[in-house]
Amino acid sequence: MFLNRHQFMMLPLFITMSAAFVFGYLDHLFPMNFERLHIFLFNLTSGGFTILYLTAAKKKTDIRIIMFFLISIIFAVLAFFKLYLFAAICGVILAVIAETYRRQRFSFFPWMFFRINDPASAKFHHASLLCLVIALLMSSFVIINDVYLKLFYFEKLTLDVFFLGFSFPVSLITMSIIFGIIESDGVKWLPAAEHAFF
């Protein structure tokens, strides 16, 4: 039995999330720190893929989504093995891919953040894409600065701590989905409350 398009896209996502879950506990069995693989496969690969998939509105499979998925795995592996220059390059490529989706679905400048008439779910969706792009670009800069340039030094800002920032776009897209469900109820006072929360 052949998989339909949706199942074909979800199978790699399920495998990646399962692998991320395993890497989260693997350091109890082996004397290595698998935290980066755990973080990247969950937040960047699975989370970023989900954000782009929802942004594409489940239309015909776009090669950019597949590229993002594969390059984000490469990014995770490179960061795990501390091949930082190549990881930083991958981060910029991923940011460009995510930005093409953001520009296609929304706009370069997030004017909608300041408009009352736009639904809060769309604002959270746009914010998740914007934060994904910013996080990818910042991660590349932090990698280059921390390993090569050393222009800035922050004792509390290690690479592992910074990489946790990839969870923020996932939180925002989750809020977008939740607010989208709430908006369908048609309660009059909800839009004002949603914009206040945003």
C-alpha atoms as a PDB file:
ATOM      1  CA  MET A   1       0.000   0.000   0.000  1.00  0.00           C
ATOM      2  CA  PHE A   2       1.445   3.356  -1.081  1.00  0.00           C
ATOM      3  CA  LEU A   3       1.561   6.371   1.213  1.00  0.00           C
ATOM      4  CA  ASN A   4      -0.370   9.497   0.293  1.00  0.00           C
ATOM      5  CA  ARG A   5       1.446  12.841   0.215  1.00  0.00           C
ATOM      6  CA  HIS A   6       0.552  13.779   3.796  1.00  0.00           C
ATOM      7  CA  GLN A   7       1.688  10.387   5.142  1.00  0.00           C
ATOM      8  CA  PHE A   8       4.860  10.598   3.055  1.00  0.00           C
ATOM      9  CA  MET A   9       5.693  13.950   4.671  1.00  0.00           C
ATOM     10  CA  MET A  10       4.798  12.831   8.200  1.00  0.00           C
ATOM     11  CA  LEU A  11       6.818   9.586   8.208  1.00  0.00           C
ATOM     12  CA  PRO A  12      10.256  11.299   8.201  1.00  0.00           C
ATOM     13  CA  LEU A  13       8.951  13.721  10.825  1.00  0.00           C
ATOM     14  CA  PHE A  14       7.920  10.828  13.075  1.00  0.00           C
ATOM     15  CA  ILE A  15      11.307   9.113  12.609  1.00  0.00           C
ATOM     16  CA  THR A  16      13.184  12.349  13.362  1.00  0.00           C
ATOM     17  CA  MET A  17      11.173  13.068  16.500  1.00  0.00           C
ATOM     18  CA  SER A  18      11.670   9.484  17.672  1.00  0.00           C
ATOM     19  CA  ALA A  19      15.423   9.822  17.100  1.00  0.00           C
ATOM     20  CA  ALA A  20      15.436  13.136  19.001  1.00  0.00           C
ATOM     21  CA  PHE A  21      13.660  11.459  21.905  1.00  0.00           C
ATOM     22  CA  VAL A  22      16.252   8.645  21.946  1.00  0.00           C
ATOM     23  CA  PHE A  23      19.162  11.112  21.835  1.00  0.00           C
ATOM     24  CA  GLY A  24      17.668  12.866  24.850  1.00  0.00           C
ATOM     25  CA  TYR A  25      18.363   9.766  26.978  1.00  0.00           C
ATOM     26  CA  LEU A  26      21.376   8.295  25.191  1.00  0.00           C
ATOM     27  CA  ASP A  27      23.901  10.071  27.413  1.00  0.00           C
ATOM     28  CA  HIS A  28      22.785   7.737  30.236  1.00  0.00           C
ATOM     29  CA  LEU A  29      24.152   4.798  28.238  1.00  0.00           C
ATOM     30  CA  PHE A  30      27.180   6.340  26.545  1.00  0.00           C
ATOM     31  CA  PRO A  31      29.775   8.808  27.910  1.00  0.00           C
ATOM     32  CA  MET A  32      28.891  11.487  25.340  1.00  0.00           C
ATOM     33  CA  ASN A  33      26.677  14.568  25.352  1.00  0.00           C
ATOM     34  CA  PHE A  34      23.920  14.112  22.770  1.00  0.00           C
ATOM     35  CA  GLU A  35      22.082  17.267  23.857  1.00  0.00           C
ATOM     36  CA  ARG A  36      22.682  19.107  20.597  1.00  0.00           C
ATOM     37  CA  LEU A  37      21.252  16.310  18.476  1.00  0.00           C
ATOM     38  CA  HIS A  38      18.279  16.125  20.822  1.00  0.00           C
ATOM     39  CA  ILE A  39      17.651  19.892  20.654  1.00  0.00           C
ATOM     40  CA  PHE A  40      18.167  20.290  16.912  1.00  0.00           C
ATOM     41  CA  LEU A  41      16.169  17.268  15.811  1.00  0.00           C
ATOM     42  CA  PHE A  42      13.250  18.278  18.033  1.00  0.00           C
ATOM     43  CA  ASN A  43      13.197  22.050  17.710  1.00  0.00           C
ATOM     44  CA  LEU A  44      14.922  22.908  14.447  1.00  0.00           C
ATOM     45  CA  THR A  45      14.326  19.914  12.181  1.00  0.00           C
ATOM     46  CA  SER A  46      10.906  18.770  13.410  1.00  0.00           C
ATOM     47  CA  GLY A  47       9.699  22.183  14.585  1.00  0.00           C
ATOM     48  CA  GLY A  48      11.027  24.116  11.601  1.00  0.00           C
ATOM     49  CA  PHE A  49       9.636  21.542   9.176  1.00  0.00           C
ATOM     50  CA  THR A  50       6.215  21.785  10.836  1.00  0.00           C
ATOM     51  CA  ILE A  51       6.222  25.594  10.660  1.00  0.00           C
ATOM     52  CA  LEU A  52       7.080  25.569   6.948  1.00  0.00           C
ATOM     53  CA  TYR A  53       4.580  22.798   6.241  1.00  0.00           C
ATOM     54  CA  LEU A  54       1.791  24.790   7.893  1.00  0.00           C
ATOM     55  CA  THR A  55       2.951  27.934   6.086  1.00  0.00           C
ATOM     56  CA  ALA A  56       2.686  26.157   2.750  1.00  0.00           C
ATOM     57  CA  ALA A  57      -0.924  25.396   3.791  1.00  0.00           C
ATOM     58  CA  LYS A  58      -0.464  21.719   2.912  1.00  0.00           C
ATOM     59  CA  LYS A  59      -0.310  22.511  -0.782  1.00  0.00           C
ATOM     60  CA  LYS A  60       1.729  20.531  -3.279  1.00  0.00           C
ATOM     61  CA  THR A  61       4.981  19.370  -1.715  1.00  0.00           C
ATOM     62  CA  ASP A  62       7.623  22.039  -2.201  1.00  0.00           C
ATOM     63  CA  ILE A  63      11.265  21.074  -2.699  1.00  0.00           C
ATOM     64  CA  ARG A  64      12.185  23.851  -0.247  1.00  0.00           C
ATOM     65  CA  ILE A  65      10.541  21.965   2.634  1.00  0.00           C
ATOM     66  CA  ILE A  66      12.512  18.834   1.798  1.00  0.00           C
ATOM     67  CA  MET A  67      15.719  20.888   1.497  1.00  0.00           C
ATOM     68  CA  PHE A  68      15.054  22.529   4.874  1.00  0.00           C
ATOM     69  CA  PHE A  69      14.442  19.142   6.471  1.00  0.00           C
ATOM     70  CA  LEU A  70      17.633  17.578   5.088  1.00  0.00           C
ATOM     71  CA  ILE A  71      19.902  20.606   5.643  1.00  0.00           C
ATOM     72  CA  SER A  72      18.653  21.004   9.220  1.00  0.00           C
ATOM     73  CA  ILE A  73      19.687  17.392   9.912  1.00  0.00           C
ATOM     74  CA  ILE A  74      23.095  18.140   8.387  1.00  0.00           C
ATOM     75  CA  PHE A  75      23.259  21.278  10.575  1.00  0.00           C
ATOM     76  CA  ALA A  76      22.528  19.163  13.663  1.00  0.00           C
ATOM     77  CA  VAL A  77      25.193  16.593  12.814  1.00  0.00           C
ATOM     78  CA  LEU A  78      27.806  19.259  12.010  1.00  0.00           C
ATOM     79  CA  ALA A  79      27.115  21.116  15.274  1.00  0.00           C
ATOM     80  CA  PHE A  80      27.274  17.829  17.185  1.00  0.00           C
ATOM     81  CA  PHE A  81      30.705  17.037  15.738  1.00  0.00           C
ATOM     82  CA  LYS A  82      31.772  20.688  16.238  1.00  0.00           C
ATOM     83  CA  LEU A  83      32.316  21.363  12.542  1.00  0.00           C
ATOM     84  CA  TYR A  84      31.235  24.908  13.183  1.00  0.00           C
ATOM     85  CA  LEU A  85      32.090  26.712   9.955  1.00  0.00           C
ATOM     86  CA  PHE A  86      29.988  24.334   7.870  1.00  0.00           C
ATOM     87  CA  ALA A  87      27.221  24.414  10.488  1.00  0.00           C
ATOM     88  CA  ALA A  88      27.136  28.227  10.278  1.00  0.00           C
ATOM     89  CA  ILE A  89      26.861  28.060   6.481  1.00  0.00           C
ATOM     90  CA  CYS A  90      23.971  25.606   6.813  1.00  0.00           C
ATOM     91  CA  GLY A  91      22.303  27.991   9.277  1.00  0.00           C
ATOM     92  CA  VAL A  92      22.368  30.822   6.733  1.00  0.00           C
ATOM     93  CA  ILE A  93      20.959  28.565   3.998  1.00  0.00           C
ATOM     94  CA  LEU A  94      18.156  27.447   6.318  1.00  0.00           C
ATOM     95  CA  ALA A  95      17.382  31.078   7.175  1.00  0.00           C
ATOM     96  CA  VAL A  96      17.117  31.939   3.468  1.00  0.00           C
ATOM     97  CA  ILE A  97      14.721  29.031   2.869  1.00  0.00           C
ATOM     98  CA  ALA A  98      12.535  30.012   5.834  1.00  0.00           C
ATOM     99  CA  GLU A  99      12.578  33.661   4.727  1.00  0.00           C
ATOM    100  CA  THR A 100      11.284  32.744   1.252  1.00  0.00           C
ATOM    101  CA  TYR A 101       8.252  31.171   2.919  1.00  0.00           C
ATOM    102  CA  ARG A 102       7.764  34.164   5.197  1.00  0.00           C
ATOM    103  CA  ARG A 103       7.917  36.639   2.297  1.00  0.00           C
ATOM    104  CA  GLN A 104       5.612  34.481   0.192  1.00  0.00           C
ATOM    105  CA  ARG A 105       2.961  34.084   2.901  1.00  0.00           C
ATOM    106  CA  PHE A 106       3.288  37.434   4.676  1.00  0.00           C
ATOM    107  CA  SER A 107       5.573  40.422   4.014  1.00  0.00           C
ATOM    108  CA  PHE A 108       9.142  41.550   4.607  1.00  0.00           C
ATOM    109  CA  PHE A 109       8.216  43.996   7.360  1.00  0.00           C
ATOM    110  CA  PRO A 110       5.660  42.569   9.818  1.00  0.00           C
ATOM    111  CA  TRP A 111       3.072  45.339   9.445  1.00  0.00           C
ATOM    112  CA  MET A 112       0.355  42.961  10.582  1.00  0.00           C
ATOM    113  CA  PHE A 113       1.765  42.986  14.124  1.00  0.00           C
ATOM    114  CA  PHE A 114       0.468  46.560  14.453  1.00  0.00           C
ATOM    115  CA  ARG A 115      -2.929  46.062  12.798  1.00  0.00           C
ATOM    116  CA  ILE A 116      -6.026  45.285  14.854  1.00  0.00           C
ATOM    117  CA  ASN A 117      -8.028  43.643  12.059  1.00  0.00           C
ATOM    118  CA  ASP A 118      -5.571  40.810  11.388  1.00  0.00           C
ATOM    119  CA  PRO A 119      -6.295  37.649  13.390  1.00  0.00           C
ATOM    120  CA  ALA A 120      -3.971  36.863  16.279  1.00  0.00           C
ATOM    121  CA  SER A 121      -3.412  33.352  14.917  1.00  0.00           C
ATOM    122  CA  ALA A 122      -1.887  34.837  11.742  1.00  0.00           C
ATOM    123  CA  LYS A 123       0.273  37.184  13.831  1.00  0.00           C
ATOM    124  CA  PHE A 124       1.625  34.285  15.891  1.00  0.00           C
ATOM    125  CA  HIS A 125       2.236  32.337  12.671  1.00  0.00           C
ATOM    126  CA  HIS A 126       4.159  35.232  11.144  1.00  0.00           C
ATOM    127  CA  ALA A 127       6.084  35.699  14.382  1.00  0.00           C
ATOM    128  CA  SER A 128       7.090  32.025  14.418  1.00  0.00           C
ATOM    129  CA  LEU A 129       8.559  32.312  10.926  1.00  0.00           C
ATOM    130  CA  LEU A 130      10.279  35.594  11.737  1.00  0.00           C
ATOM    131  CA  CYS A 131      11.797  34.152  14.928  1.00  0.00           C
ATOM    132  CA  LEU A 132      12.926  31.048  13.045  1.00  0.00           C
ATOM    133  CA  VAL A 133      14.783  33.188  10.501  1.00  0.00           C
ATOM    134  CA  ILE A 134      16.308  35.408  13.196  1.00  0.00           C
ATOM    135  CA  ALA A 135      17.325  32.417  15.334  1.00  0.00           C
ATOM    136  CA  LEU A 136      19.060  30.761  12.383  1.00  0.00           C
ATOM    137  CA  LEU A 137      20.956  33.909  11.432  1.00  0.00           C
ATOM    138  CA  MET A 138      21.885  34.613  15.047  1.00  0.00           C
ATOM    139  CA  SER A 139      23.020  31.030  15.572  1.00  0.00           C
ATOM    140  CA  SER A 140      25.395  31.330  12.623  1.00  0.00           C
ATOM    141  CA  PHE A 141      26.743  34.609  13.993  1.00  0.00           C
ATOM    142  CA  VAL A 142      27.107  33.217  17.521  1.00  0.00           C
ATOM    143  CA  ILE A 143      28.919  30.143  16.173  1.00  0.00           C
ATOM    144  CA  ILE A 144      31.372  32.264  14.141  1.00  0.00           C
ATOM    145  CA  ASN A 145      31.860  34.743  16.997  1.00  0.00           C
ATOM    146  CA  ASP A 146      32.249  32.126  19.723  1.00  0.00           C
ATOM    147  CA  VAL A 147      34.626  29.879  17.786  1.00  0.00           C
ATOM    148  CA  TYR A 148      36.506  32.174  15.404  1.00  0.00           C
ATOM    149  CA  LEU A 149      36.059  35.940  15.794  1.00  0.00           C
ATOM    150  CA  LYS A 150      35.595  36.219  19.592  1.00  0.00           C
ATOM    151  CA  LEU A 151      34.309  39.788  19.258  1.00  0.00           C
ATOM    152  CA  PHE A 152      31.893  39.389  22.173  1.00  0.00           C
ATOM    153  CA  TYR A 153      32.067  37.190  25.228  1.00  0.00           C
ATOM    154  CA  PHE A 154      29.156  36.351  27.482  1.00  0.00           C
ATOM    155  CA  GLU A 155      29.831  33.897  30.270  1.00  0.00           C
ATOM    156  CA  LYS A 156      26.208  32.724  30.430  1.00  0.00           C
ATOM    157  CA  LEU A 157      25.739  32.496  26.658  1.00  0.00           C
ATOM    158  CA  THR A 158      27.294  29.191  25.661  1.00  0.00           C
ATOM    159  CA  LEU A 159      26.457  27.606  22.331  1.00  0.00           C
ATOM    160  CA  ASP A 160      24.378  24.887  23.963  1.00  0.00           C
ATOM    161  CA  VAL A 161      22.301  27.460  25.852  1.00  0.00           C
ATOM    162  CA  PHE A 162      21.830  29.593  22.747  1.00  0.00           C
ATOM    163  CA  PHE A 163      20.706  26.625  20.673  1.00  0.00           C
ATOM    164  CA  LEU A 164      17.731  26.206  23.016  1.00  0.00           C
ATOM    165  CA  GLY A 165      16.353  29.354  21.362  1.00  0.00           C
ATOM    166  CA  PHE A 166      15.096  27.228  18.492  1.00  0.00           C
ATOM    167  CA  SER A 167      12.237  26.152  20.748  1.00  0.00           C
ATOM    168  CA  PHE A 168      10.723  29.670  20.676  1.00  0.00           C
ATOM    169  CA  PRO A 169       9.431  29.524  17.053  1.00  0.00           C
ATOM    170  CA  VAL A 170       7.806  26.177  17.903  1.00  0.00           C
ATOM    171  CA  SER A 171       6.042  27.788  20.880  1.00  0.00           C
ATOM    172  CA  LEU A 172       4.767  30.579  18.639  1.00  0.00           C
ATOM    173  CA  ILE A 173       3.362  28.246  15.968  1.00  0.00           C
ATOM    174  CA  THR A 174       1.669  26.278  18.750  1.00  0.00           C
ATOM    175  CA  MET A 175       0.023  29.515  19.927  1.00  0.00           C
ATOM    176  CA  SER A 176      -1.036  30.194  16.331  1.00  0.00           C
ATOM    177  CA  ILE A 177      -2.788  26.822  16.139  1.00  0.00           C
ATOM    178  CA  ILE A 178      -4.462  27.295  19.530  1.00  0.00           C
ATOM    179  CA  PHE A 179      -5.685  30.803  18.718  1.00  0.00           C
ATOM    180  CA  GLY A 180      -6.861  29.601  15.295  1.00  0.00           C
ATOM    181  CA  ILE A 181      -9.094  27.042  17.029  1.00  0.00           C
ATOM    182  CA  ILE A 182     -10.387  29.655  19.481  1.00  0.00           C
ATOM    183  CA  GLU A 183     -11.154  32.127  16.667  1.00  0.00           C
ATOM    184  CA  SER A 184     -13.420  29.619  14.952  1.00  0.00           C
ATOM    185  CA  ASP A 185     -15.794  29.773  17.947  1.00  0.00           C
ATOM    186  CA  GLY A 186     -16.995  33.230  16.899  1.00  0.00           C
ATOM    187  CA  VAL A 187     -17.120  34.763  20.399  1.00  0.00           C
ATOM    188  CA  LYS A 188     -17.109  38.562  19.988  1.00  0.00           C
ATOM    189  CA  TRP A 189     -14.788  39.537  22.842  1.00  0.00           C
ATOM    190  CA  LEU A 190     -12.125  36.942  21.974  1.00  0.00           C
ATOM    191  CA  PRO A 191     -10.285  38.940  19.246  1.00  0.00           C
ATOM    192  CA  ALA A 192      -9.518  41.784  21.683  1.00  0.00           C
ATOM    193  CA  ALA A 193      -8.219  39.292  24.265  1.00  0.00           C
ATOM    194  CA  GLU A 194      -6.134  37.507  21.630  1.00  0.00           C
ATOM    195  CA  HIS A 195      -4.462  40.742  20.495  1.00  0.00           C
ATOM    196  CA  ALA A 196      -3.749  41.615  24.114  1.00  0.00           C
ATOM    197  CA  PHE A 197      -2.052  38.243  24.585  1.00  0.00           C
ATOM    198  CA  PHE A 198      -0.048  38.719  21.384  1.00  0.00           C
END
